[in-house]
Amino acid sequence: MINSHIVLLGYMGCGKTTISSKLETILNLPSIDLDQFIENELKMSISQIFNTKGQIEFRKIENRYLKILLNKKTKSIISLGGGTPCYHNNMDFILECSKNVFFIKTSAEVLSFRLFKEKSKRPIIKSISSISELKDFISKHLFERMIFYSQAHHIIDDNDKGADSVCKKIVSKLI
């Protein structure tokens, strides 16, 4: 029996949404993507929110909806945005609400290849023009965010092993 929400965190492109969806089937728990939840609630894409309200306001909105999801009684699988744990004491709140927090650790090299194809959909990287520039950007971000990501209860090394492999590792560690 799973006694708390399962929270997936990691850099954008690490596969949180895909993994969450697969875990939903395996564990028969609802899966909620925080970014999609925000988009549905506000009837705007994350890019539109960034463009019209700015990053600071987006992080406030994100914090509010994170708290709503983590305070729900029904246990679920929650996949976070890459920056979610890094703002507004979110990581402390996440760790307080869940005993099943997983960091999907993926290298900057793997992430840069995954993300370069879809950078137009990602507000913080859409202006980057080359894979090497993107890899440098991601490496810097990962370094800055690692202090938050590494607080997760479990670190699952992905590096292109695939969502099924990551799901098996997560299921084996659930409390």
C-alpha atoms as a PDB file:
ATOM      1  CA  MET A   1       0.000   0.000   0.000  1.00  0.00           C
ATOM      2  CA  ILE A   2       1.417   3.366  -1.017  1.00  0.00           C
ATOM      3  CA  ASN A   3       1.088   5.806   1.875  1.00  0.00           C
ATOM      4  CA  SER A   4       1.884   9.118   0.179  1.00  0.00           C
ATOM      5  CA  HIS A   5       1.886  10.816  -3.203  1.00  0.00           C
ATOM      6  CA  ILE A   6       4.602   9.741  -5.613  1.00  0.00           C
ATOM      7  CA  VAL A   7       6.432  12.863  -6.789  1.00  0.00           C
ATOM      8  CA  LEU A   8       8.672  12.865  -9.859  1.00  0.00           C
ATOM      9  CA  LEU A   9      11.172  15.646 -10.320  1.00  0.00           C
ATOM     10  CA  GLY A  10      14.081  16.348 -12.600  1.00  0.00           C
ATOM     11  CA  TYR A  11      15.148  18.604 -15.431  1.00  0.00           C
ATOM     12  CA  MET A  12      12.794  19.214 -18.347  1.00  0.00           C
ATOM     13  CA  GLY A  13      13.063  16.446 -20.883  1.00  0.00           C
ATOM     14  CA  CYS A  14      14.033  13.737 -18.385  1.00  0.00           C
ATOM     15  CA  GLY A  15      10.761  11.896 -19.030  1.00  0.00           C
ATOM     16  CA  LYS A  16       8.709  12.717 -15.933  1.00  0.00           C
ATOM     17  CA  THR A  17       5.403  12.940 -17.793  1.00  0.00           C
ATOM     18  CA  THR A  18       5.966   9.706 -19.741  1.00  0.00           C
ATOM     19  CA  ILE A  19       7.109   7.855 -16.620  1.00  0.00           C
ATOM     20  CA  SER A  20       4.162   9.207 -14.640  1.00  0.00           C
ATOM     21  CA  SER A  21       1.758   7.973 -17.290  1.00  0.00           C
ATOM     22  CA  LYS A  22       3.300   4.484 -17.291  1.00  0.00           C
ATOM     23  CA  LEU A  23       3.252   4.350 -13.480  1.00  0.00           C
ATOM     24  CA  GLU A  24      -0.436   5.274 -13.561  1.00  0.00           C
ATOM     25  CA  THR A  25      -1.132   2.024 -15.425  1.00  0.00           C
ATOM     26  CA  ILE A  26       1.237  -0.101 -13.331  1.00  0.00           C
ATOM     27  CA  LEU A  27       0.077   1.193  -9.930  1.00  0.00           C
ATOM     28  CA  ASN A  28      -3.532   2.049 -10.756  1.00  0.00           C
ATOM     29  CA  LEU A  29      -3.091   5.556  -9.342  1.00  0.00           C
ATOM     30  CA  PRO A  30      -4.079   8.840 -10.979  1.00  0.00           C
ATOM     31  CA  SER A  31      -1.248  10.684 -12.694  1.00  0.00           C
ATOM     32  CA  ILE A  32      -1.106  14.483 -12.674  1.00  0.00           C
ATOM     33  CA  ASP A  33       1.380  16.617 -14.590  1.00  0.00           C
ATOM     34  CA  LEU A  34       1.698  19.929 -12.711  1.00  0.00           C
ATOM     35  CA  ASP A  35       2.267  21.974 -15.882  1.00  0.00           C
ATOM     36  CA  GLN A  36      -0.762  20.410 -17.608  1.00  0.00           C
ATOM     37  CA  PHE A  37      -2.836  20.946 -14.460  1.00  0.00           C
ATOM     38  CA  ILE A  38      -1.888  24.651 -14.450  1.00  0.00           C
ATOM     39  CA  GLU A  39      -2.626  24.958 -18.179  1.00  0.00           C
ATOM     40  CA  ASN A  40      -6.081  23.385 -17.693  1.00  0.00           C
ATOM     41  CA  GLU A  41      -6.882  25.586 -14.699  1.00  0.00           C
ATOM     42  CA  LEU A  42      -5.762  28.846 -16.340  1.00  0.00           C
ATOM     43  CA  LYS A  43      -6.779  27.939 -19.912  1.00  0.00           C
ATOM     44  CA  MET A  44      -3.322  29.078 -21.089  1.00  0.00           C
ATOM     45  CA  SER A  45      -0.160  27.254 -22.133  1.00  0.00           C
ATOM     46  CA  ILE A  46       2.924  27.521 -19.926  1.00  0.00           C
ATOM     47  CA  SER A  47       4.555  29.575 -22.715  1.00  0.00           C
ATOM     48  CA  GLN A  48       1.604  31.985 -22.715  1.00  0.00           C
ATOM     49  CA  ILE A  49       1.771  32.318 -18.930  1.00  0.00           C
ATOM     50  CA  PHE A  50       5.516  33.066 -19.120  1.00  0.00           C
ATOM     51  CA  ASN A  51       4.993  35.582 -21.940  1.00  0.00           C
ATOM     52  CA  THR A  52       2.028  37.432 -20.417  1.00  0.00           C
ATOM     53  CA  LYS A  53       2.703  37.210 -16.684  1.00  0.00           C
ATOM     54  CA  GLY A  54       6.472  36.623 -16.500  1.00  0.00           C
ATOM     55  CA  GLN A  55       8.502  33.980 -14.717  1.00  0.00           C
ATOM     56  CA  ILE A  56       8.061  35.408 -11.201  1.00  0.00           C
ATOM     57  CA  GLU A  57       4.267  35.334 -11.463  1.00  0.00           C
ATOM     58  CA  PHE A  58       4.403  31.875 -13.052  1.00  0.00           C
ATOM     59  CA  ARG A  59       6.411  30.566 -10.076  1.00  0.00           C
ATOM     60  CA  LYS A  60       3.780  31.964  -7.681  1.00  0.00           C
ATOM     61  CA  ILE A  61       1.010  30.266  -9.649  1.00  0.00           C
ATOM     62  CA  GLU A  62       3.023  27.036  -9.757  1.00  0.00           C
ATOM     63  CA  ASN A  63       3.511  27.152  -5.975  1.00  0.00           C
ATOM     64  CA  ARG A  64      -0.218  27.616  -5.379  1.00  0.00           C
ATOM     65  CA  TYR A  65      -1.206  24.654  -7.570  1.00  0.00           C
ATOM     66  CA  LEU A  66       1.574  22.445  -6.185  1.00  0.00           C
ATOM     67  CA  LYS A  67       0.125  22.942  -2.706  1.00  0.00           C
ATOM     68  CA  ILE A  68      -3.376  22.132  -3.949  1.00  0.00           C
ATOM     69  CA  LEU A  69      -2.182  18.845  -5.475  1.00  0.00           C
ATOM     70  CA  LEU A  70      -0.029  17.766  -2.534  1.00  0.00           C
ATOM     71  CA  ASN A  71      -2.816  18.522  -0.048  1.00  0.00           C
ATOM     72  CA  LYS A  72      -5.286  16.233  -1.831  1.00  0.00           C
ATOM     73  CA  LYS A  73      -6.203  13.156   0.205  1.00  0.00           C
ATOM     74  CA  THR A  74      -6.346  10.832  -2.799  1.00  0.00           C
ATOM     75  CA  LYS A  75      -2.828   9.556  -3.448  1.00  0.00           C
ATOM     76  CA  SER A  76      -1.509  10.231  -6.928  1.00  0.00           C
ATOM     77  CA  ILE A  77       1.591  10.386  -9.082  1.00  0.00           C
ATOM     78  CA  ILE A  78       2.610  14.017  -9.546  1.00  0.00           C
ATOM     79  CA  SER A  79       5.182  15.020 -12.152  1.00  0.00           C
ATOM     80  CA  LEU A  80       6.647  18.460 -11.554  1.00  0.00           C
ATOM     81  CA  GLY A  81       8.060  21.103 -13.848  1.00  0.00           C
ATOM     82  CA  GLY A  82      11.861  21.122 -13.930  1.00  0.00           C
ATOM     83  CA  GLY A  83      12.119  24.317 -11.872  1.00  0.00           C
ATOM     84  CA  THR A  84       9.307  23.598  -9.410  1.00  0.00           C
ATOM     85  CA  PRO A  85      11.497  22.308  -6.539  1.00  0.00           C
ATOM     86  CA  CYS A  86      13.786  25.355  -6.788  1.00  0.00           C
ATOM     87  CA  TYR A  87      11.371  28.139  -5.781  1.00  0.00           C
ATOM     88  CA  HIS A  88       9.246  29.285  -2.810  1.00  0.00           C
ATOM     89  CA  ASN A  89      10.449  26.553  -0.417  1.00  0.00           C
ATOM     90  CA  ASN A  90       8.656  24.081  -2.672  1.00  0.00           C
ATOM     91  CA  MET A  91      11.197  21.313  -2.037  1.00  0.00           C
ATOM     92  CA  ASP A  92      10.674  21.489   1.723  1.00  0.00           C
ATOM     93  CA  PHE A  93       6.911  21.293   1.211  1.00  0.00           C
ATOM     94  CA  ILE A  94       7.251  18.375  -1.228  1.00  0.00           C
ATOM     95  CA  LEU A  95       9.396  16.415   1.235  1.00  0.00           C
ATOM     96  CA  GLU A  96       6.970  17.200   4.049  1.00  0.00           C
ATOM     97  CA  CYS A  97       3.994  15.881   2.053  1.00  0.00           C
ATOM     98  CA  SER A  98       5.510  12.806   0.410  1.00  0.00           C
ATOM     99  CA  LYS A  99       7.820   9.970   1.378  1.00  0.00           C
ATOM    100  CA  ASN A 100       8.102   8.906  -2.269  1.00  0.00           C
ATOM    101  CA  VAL A 101      10.023  11.702  -4.009  1.00  0.00           C
ATOM    102  CA  PHE A 102      12.057  10.556  -7.020  1.00  0.00           C
ATOM    103  CA  PHE A 103      14.691  12.527  -8.923  1.00  0.00           C
ATOM    104  CA  ILE A 104      14.998  11.264 -12.509  1.00  0.00           C
ATOM    105  CA  LYS A 105      18.686  11.961 -13.095  1.00  0.00           C
ATOM    106  CA  THR A 106      19.624  12.417 -16.740  1.00  0.00           C
ATOM    107  CA  SER A 107      22.871  13.784 -18.188  1.00  0.00           C
ATOM    108  CA  ALA A 108      23.095  17.173 -19.894  1.00  0.00           C
ATOM    109  CA  GLU A 109      24.164  15.412 -23.079  1.00  0.00           C
ATOM    110  CA  VAL A 110      21.067  13.183 -23.215  1.00  0.00           C
ATOM    111  CA  LEU A 111      18.804  16.096 -22.242  1.00  0.00           C
ATOM    112  CA  SER A 112      20.246  18.402 -24.910  1.00  0.00           C
ATOM    113  CA  PHE A 113      19.543  15.868 -27.678  1.00  0.00           C
ATOM    114  CA  ARG A 114      16.001  15.270 -26.414  1.00  0.00           C
ATOM    115  CA  LEU A 115      15.188  18.953 -25.934  1.00  0.00           C
ATOM    116  CA  PHE A 116      16.759  20.493 -29.031  1.00  0.00           C
ATOM    117  CA  LYS A 117      14.001  18.987 -31.217  1.00  0.00           C
ATOM    118  CA  GLU A 118      11.247  20.570 -29.136  1.00  0.00           C
ATOM    119  CA  LYS A 119      12.870  23.772 -27.906  1.00  0.00           C
ATOM    120  CA  SER A 120      10.190  25.972 -29.477  1.00  0.00           C
ATOM    121  CA  LYS A 121       7.724  24.598 -26.883  1.00  0.00           C
ATOM    122  CA  ARG A 122      10.049  25.353 -23.956  1.00  0.00           C
ATOM    123  CA  PRO A 123      10.105  29.047 -22.995  1.00  0.00           C
ATOM    124  CA  ILE A 124      13.491  29.079 -21.280  1.00  0.00           C
ATOM    125  CA  ILE A 125      15.399  27.424 -24.150  1.00  0.00           C
ATOM    126  CA  LYS A 126      13.553  28.511 -27.297  1.00  0.00           C
ATOM    127  CA  SER A 127      16.181  31.123 -28.239  1.00  0.00           C
ATOM    128  CA  ILE A 128      19.152  28.716 -28.010  1.00  0.00           C
ATOM    129  CA  SER A 129      20.529  28.032 -31.491  1.00  0.00           C
ATOM    130  CA  SER A 130      22.799  24.961 -31.221  1.00  0.00           C
ATOM    131  CA  ILE A 131      22.958  21.656 -29.362  1.00  0.00           C
ATOM    132  CA  SER A 132      26.326  22.568 -27.825  1.00  0.00           C
ATOM    133  CA  GLU A 133      24.932  25.880 -26.545  1.00  0.00           C
ATOM    134  CA  LEU A 134      21.917  24.001 -25.169  1.00  0.00           C
ATOM    135  CA  LYS A 135      24.167  21.439 -23.458  1.00  0.00           C
ATOM    136  CA  ASP A 136      26.124  24.267 -21.786  1.00  0.00           C
ATOM    137  CA  PHE A 137      22.882  25.931 -20.669  1.00  0.00           C
ATOM    138  CA  ILE A 138      21.518  22.653 -19.272  1.00  0.00           C
ATOM    139  CA  SER A 139      24.812  21.838 -17.523  1.00  0.00           C
ATOM    140  CA  LYS A 140      24.754  25.206 -15.754  1.00  0.00           C
ATOM    141  CA  HIS A 141      21.094  24.768 -14.780  1.00  0.00           C
ATOM    142  CA  LEU A 142      21.657  21.224 -13.511  1.00  0.00           C
ATOM    143  CA  PHE A 143      24.544  22.446 -11.389  1.00  0.00           C
ATOM    144  CA  GLU A 144      22.361  25.192  -9.866  1.00  0.00           C
ATOM    145  CA  ARG A 145      19.364  22.919  -9.313  1.00  0.00           C
ATOM    146  CA  MET A 146      21.219  19.871  -7.996  1.00  0.00           C
ATOM    147  CA  ILE A 147      21.025  21.212  -4.422  1.00  0.00           C
ATOM    148  CA  PHE A 148      17.234  20.820  -4.691  1.00  0.00           C
ATOM    149  CA  TYR A 149      17.023  17.710  -6.854  1.00  0.00           C
ATOM    150  CA  SER A 150      19.461  15.765  -4.680  1.00  0.00           C
ATOM    151  CA  GLN A 151      17.150  16.113  -1.660  1.00  0.00           C
ATOM    152  CA  ALA A 152      14.746  13.586  -3.221  1.00  0.00           C
ATOM    153  CA  HIS A 153      14.326  10.355  -1.277  1.00  0.00           C
ATOM    154  CA  HIS A 154      15.431   8.357  -4.311  1.00  0.00           C
ATOM    155  CA  ILE A 155      17.717   9.203  -7.218  1.00  0.00           C
ATOM    156  CA  ILE A 156      16.959   7.166 -10.328  1.00  0.00           C
ATOM    157  CA  ASP A 157      19.707   7.257 -12.948  1.00  0.00           C
ATOM    158  CA  ASP A 158      18.130   7.302 -16.412  1.00  0.00           C
ATOM    159  CA  ASN A 159      20.633   8.312 -19.104  1.00  0.00           C
ATOM    160  CA  ASP A 160      18.555   6.932 -21.955  1.00  0.00           C
ATOM    161  CA  LYS A 161      17.763   3.545 -20.444  1.00  0.00           C
ATOM    162  CA  GLY A 162      14.086   4.222 -21.148  1.00  0.00           C
ATOM    163  CA  ALA A 163      10.881   4.869 -19.245  1.00  0.00           C
ATOM    164  CA  ASP A 164      10.147   1.175 -18.601  1.00  0.00           C
ATOM    165  CA  SER A 165      13.498   0.711 -16.865  1.00  0.00           C
ATOM    166  CA  VAL A 166      12.948   3.832 -14.747  1.00  0.00           C
ATOM    167  CA  CYS A 167       9.435   2.664 -13.800  1.00  0.00           C
ATOM    168  CA  LYS A 168      10.765  -0.714 -12.603  1.00  0.00           C
ATOM    169  CA  LYS A 169      13.327   1.052 -10.410  1.00  0.00           C
ATOM    170  CA  ILE A 170      10.684   3.368  -8.957  1.00  0.00           C
ATOM    171  CA  VAL A 171       8.222   0.557  -8.201  1.00  0.00           C
ATOM    172  CA  SER A 172      10.966  -1.390  -6.403  1.00  0.00           C
ATOM    173  CA  LYS A 173      11.588   1.558  -4.057  1.00  0.00           C
ATOM    174  CA  LEU A 174       8.034   2.581  -3.168  1.00  0.00           C
ATOM    175  CA  ILE A 175       7.126   2.910   0.502  1.00  0.00           C
END
